[in-house]
């Protein structure tokens, strides 16, 4: 994931995964902020909002894609509208001995978990937990089925702790 680093002048440097630094000026930042607000905006709409020429916006967006600053365009679903009314964080402790024997790591475990249909995000973290999984399902019953019937059966998981979200902000 790219990390924004603020410099003394009005240019920001983005550290990309490939450890290359990309310089962003105020125009780039304005374009990115507008796309973060709504990735469906057309080049013409972005140009109108930034008061930049359409060709400038087009060229900058293309460059930002080529340099890896913009990785993809996506949508934000209203989970309740599609029947996903239960959200939960699952704290996963890896069986490090098992993973070591199989020449695997927490990264492999994260990839395996991401394959499950209802898992939106898997983060590798520090502290008393190895991974944090974010899941959305339609009911507590489905959460139970996914947790006991899928997640806890993944090889390399020692134990889990589930935190059901009461209110999303």
Protein backbone atom coordinates (compact mmCIF):
# COMPACT_ATOMS: atom_id res chain seq x y z
CA UNK A 1 0.00 0.00 0.00
CA UNK A 2 1.30 3.46 -0.81
CA UNK A 3 2.22 5.74 2.07
CA UNK A 4 2.02 9.53 1.78
CA UNK A 5 5.01 11.41 3.18
CA UNK A 6 4.66 15.19 3.58
CA UNK A 7 7.65 17.30 2.49
CA UNK A 8 8.47 20.91 3.38
CA UNK A 9 7.30 22.24 0.02
CA UNK A 10 3.96 21.59 -1.67
CA UNK A 11 5.03 18.23 -3.05
CA UNK A 12 4.36 14.88 -1.43
CA UNK A 13 6.32 11.71 -1.95
CA UNK A 14 4.52 8.40 -2.18
CA UNK A 15 6.39 5.31 -1.08
CA UNK A 16 5.14 2.44 -3.25
CA UNK A 17 5.45 -1.29 -2.56
CA UNK A 18 8.33 -1.50 -5.01
CA UNK A 19 10.14 1.06 -2.79
CA UNK A 20 10.11 3.61 -5.59
CA UNK A 21 9.19 7.14 -4.61
CA UNK A 22 6.69 9.06 -6.70
CA UNK A 23 6.39 12.83 -6.31
CA UNK A 24 2.90 14.25 -6.06
CA UNK A 25 2.14 17.94 -6.38
CA UNK A 26 -1.03 19.75 -5.32
CA UNK A 27 -2.75 18.94 -8.62
CA UNK A 28 -2.11 15.20 -8.21
CA UNK A 29 -3.34 15.32 -4.62
CA UNK A 30 -6.55 17.15 -5.63
CA UNK A 31 -7.22 14.55 -8.33
CA UNK A 32 -6.62 11.69 -5.89
CA UNK A 33 -8.89 13.24 -3.25
CA UNK A 34 -11.70 13.56 -5.79
CA UNK A 35 -11.24 9.96 -6.95
CA UNK A 36 -11.25 8.77 -3.32
CA UNK A 37 -14.57 10.56 -2.89
CA UNK A 38 -16.05 8.85 -5.97
CA UNK A 39 -13.99 6.74 -8.35
CA UNK A 40 -16.77 6.90 -10.95
CA UNK A 41 -16.12 10.56 -11.74
CA UNK A 42 -15.19 11.12 -15.36
CA UNK A 43 -12.09 12.98 -16.43
CA UNK A 44 -14.31 15.89 -17.41
CA UNK A 45 -15.98 15.99 -13.98
CA UNK A 46 -12.60 15.88 -12.23
CA UNK A 47 -11.34 18.68 -14.47
CA UNK A 48 -14.36 20.80 -13.55
CA UNK A 49 -13.87 20.21 -9.81
CA UNK A 50 -10.11 20.91 -9.93
CA UNK A 51 -10.29 23.73 -12.49
CA UNK A 52 -7.64 21.89 -14.53
CA UNK A 53 -7.76 21.22 -18.28
CA UNK A 54 -9.26 17.84 -19.21
CA UNK A 55 -6.03 16.78 -20.93
CA UNK A 56 -4.02 17.57 -17.80
CA UNK A 57 -6.35 15.45 -15.67
CA UNK A 58 -6.29 12.62 -18.22
CA UNK A 59 -2.48 12.61 -18.42
CA UNK A 60 -2.02 12.79 -14.65
CA UNK A 61 -4.49 9.97 -13.95
CA UNK A 62 -2.78 7.83 -16.58
CA UNK A 63 0.65 8.57 -15.03
CA UNK A 64 -0.63 7.83 -11.51
CA UNK A 65 -1.92 4.46 -12.76
CA UNK A 66 1.34 3.65 -14.55
CA UNK A 67 3.39 4.54 -11.48
CA UNK A 68 1.22 2.34 -9.27
CA UNK A 69 -0.20 5.14 -7.13
CA UNK A 70 -3.70 4.29 -8.38
CA UNK A 71 -3.99 0.53 -8.15
CA UNK A 72 -7.66 0.03 -8.92
CA UNK A 73 -11.07 1.64 -8.90
CA UNK A 74 -13.68 0.14 -6.64
CA UNK A 75 -17.08 0.67 -5.07
CA UNK A 76 -18.35 0.90 -1.53
CA UNK A 77 -21.39 -1.29 -1.01
CA UNK A 78 -24.14 -0.61 1.46
CA UNK A 79 -23.81 -3.98 3.19
CA UNK A 80 -27.31 -3.93 4.65
CA UNK A 81 -28.83 -3.34 1.20
CA UNK A 82 -27.27 -6.61 0.00
CA UNK A 83 -28.25 -8.52 3.11
CA UNK A 84 -24.90 -8.50 4.91
CA UNK A 85 -26.13 -7.22 8.27
CA UNK A 86 -23.57 -8.86 10.56
CA UNK A 87 -19.97 -7.65 10.62
CA UNK A 88 -17.22 -9.07 12.80
CA UNK A 89 -13.50 -8.92 13.41
CA UNK A 90 -11.87 -12.28 13.97
CA UNK A 91 -8.55 -12.26 15.80
CA UNK A 92 -6.52 -15.22 14.56
CA UNK A 93 -3.58 -16.80 16.33
CA UNK A 94 -1.44 -18.83 13.98
CA UNK A 95 0.02 -22.22 14.84
CA UNK A 96 3.58 -21.06 14.22
CA UNK A 97 5.06 -24.51 14.82
CA UNK A 98 2.79 -26.01 12.15
CA UNK A 99 3.53 -23.19 9.71
CA UNK A 100 7.28 -23.58 10.24
CA UNK A 101 7.08 -27.35 9.65
CA UNK A 102 5.21 -26.75 6.40
CA UNK A 103 7.59 -23.92 5.38
CA UNK A 104 4.72 -21.45 5.43
CA UNK A 105 4.15 -18.09 7.09
CA UNK A 106 1.39 -15.79 8.24
CA UNK A 107 1.36 -14.40 4.69
CA UNK A 108 0.35 -17.83 3.35
CA UNK A 109 -2.31 -18.09 6.03
CA UNK A 110 -3.66 -14.65 5.07
CA UNK A 111 -3.83 -15.65 1.38
CA UNK A 112 -5.75 -18.81 2.29
CA UNK A 113 -8.26 -16.87 4.40
CA UNK A 114 -8.78 -14.23 1.68
CA UNK A 115 -10.13 -16.99 -0.59
CA UNK A 116 -13.24 -17.35 1.57
CA UNK A 117 -16.22 -15.55 0.00
CA UNK A 118 -17.33 -13.46 2.98
CA UNK A 119 -13.93 -12.23 4.15
CA UNK A 120 -13.40 -8.62 3.15
CA UNK A 121 -9.97 -8.04 4.64
CA UNK A 122 -7.11 -9.88 6.32
CA UNK A 123 -4.33 -7.93 8.04
CA UNK A 124 -1.15 -9.32 9.57
CA UNK A 125 -0.59 -7.52 12.87
CA UNK A 126 1.73 -7.41 15.86
CA UNK A 127 0.85 -8.00 19.49
CA UNK A 128 -0.99 -10.94 20.98
CA UNK A 129 -2.71 -11.74 17.67
CA UNK A 130 -1.18 -12.71 14.33
CA UNK A 131 -3.98 -11.77 11.94
CA UNK A 132 -7.16 -9.69 12.04
CA UNK A 133 -9.93 -10.78 9.69
CA UNK A 134 -12.92 -8.60 8.79
CA UNK A 135 -16.01 -10.53 7.72
CA UNK A 136 -19.57 -9.67 6.65
CA UNK A 137 -22.36 -12.20 6.67
CA UNK A 138 -26.15 -12.20 6.65
CA UNK A 139 -26.76 -13.63 10.13
CA UNK A 140 -25.18 -14.86 13.35
CA UNK A 141 -26.00 -18.37 12.15
CA UNK A 142 -23.94 -17.79 8.99
CA UNK A 143 -21.12 -16.31 11.09
CA UNK A 144 -21.16 -19.47 13.19
CA UNK A 145 -21.10 -21.68 10.07
CA UNK A 146 -18.22 -19.76 8.48
CA UNK A 147 -16.22 -19.53 11.69
CA UNK A 148 -16.60 -23.15 12.79
CA UNK A 149 -16.98 -24.76 9.38
CA UNK A 150 -14.36 -22.87 7.40
CA UNK A 151 -12.05 -20.44 9.20
CA UNK A 152 -11.17 -22.62 12.19
CA UNK A 153 -10.55 -25.58 9.86
CA UNK A 154 -7.82 -23.77 7.91
CA UNK A 155 -4.51 -25.52 8.54
CA UNK A 156 -2.18 -23.31 10.54
CA UNK A 157 -4.80 -21.63 12.73
CA UNK A 158 -4.32 -22.29 16.45
CA UNK A 159 -7.34 -20.37 17.74
CA UNK A 160 -9.63 -17.43 17.08
CA UNK A 161 -11.47 -14.77 19.01
CA UNK A 162 -14.50 -13.11 17.42
CA UNK A 163 -15.62 -9.52 17.99
CA UNK A 164 -19.08 -8.79 16.58
CA UNK A 165 -19.56 -5.20 15.44
CA UNK A 166 -22.49 -3.52 17.20
CA UNK A 167 -22.40 -0.22 15.31
CA UNK A 168 -20.33 0.87 12.31
CA UNK A 169 -19.36 4.50 11.98
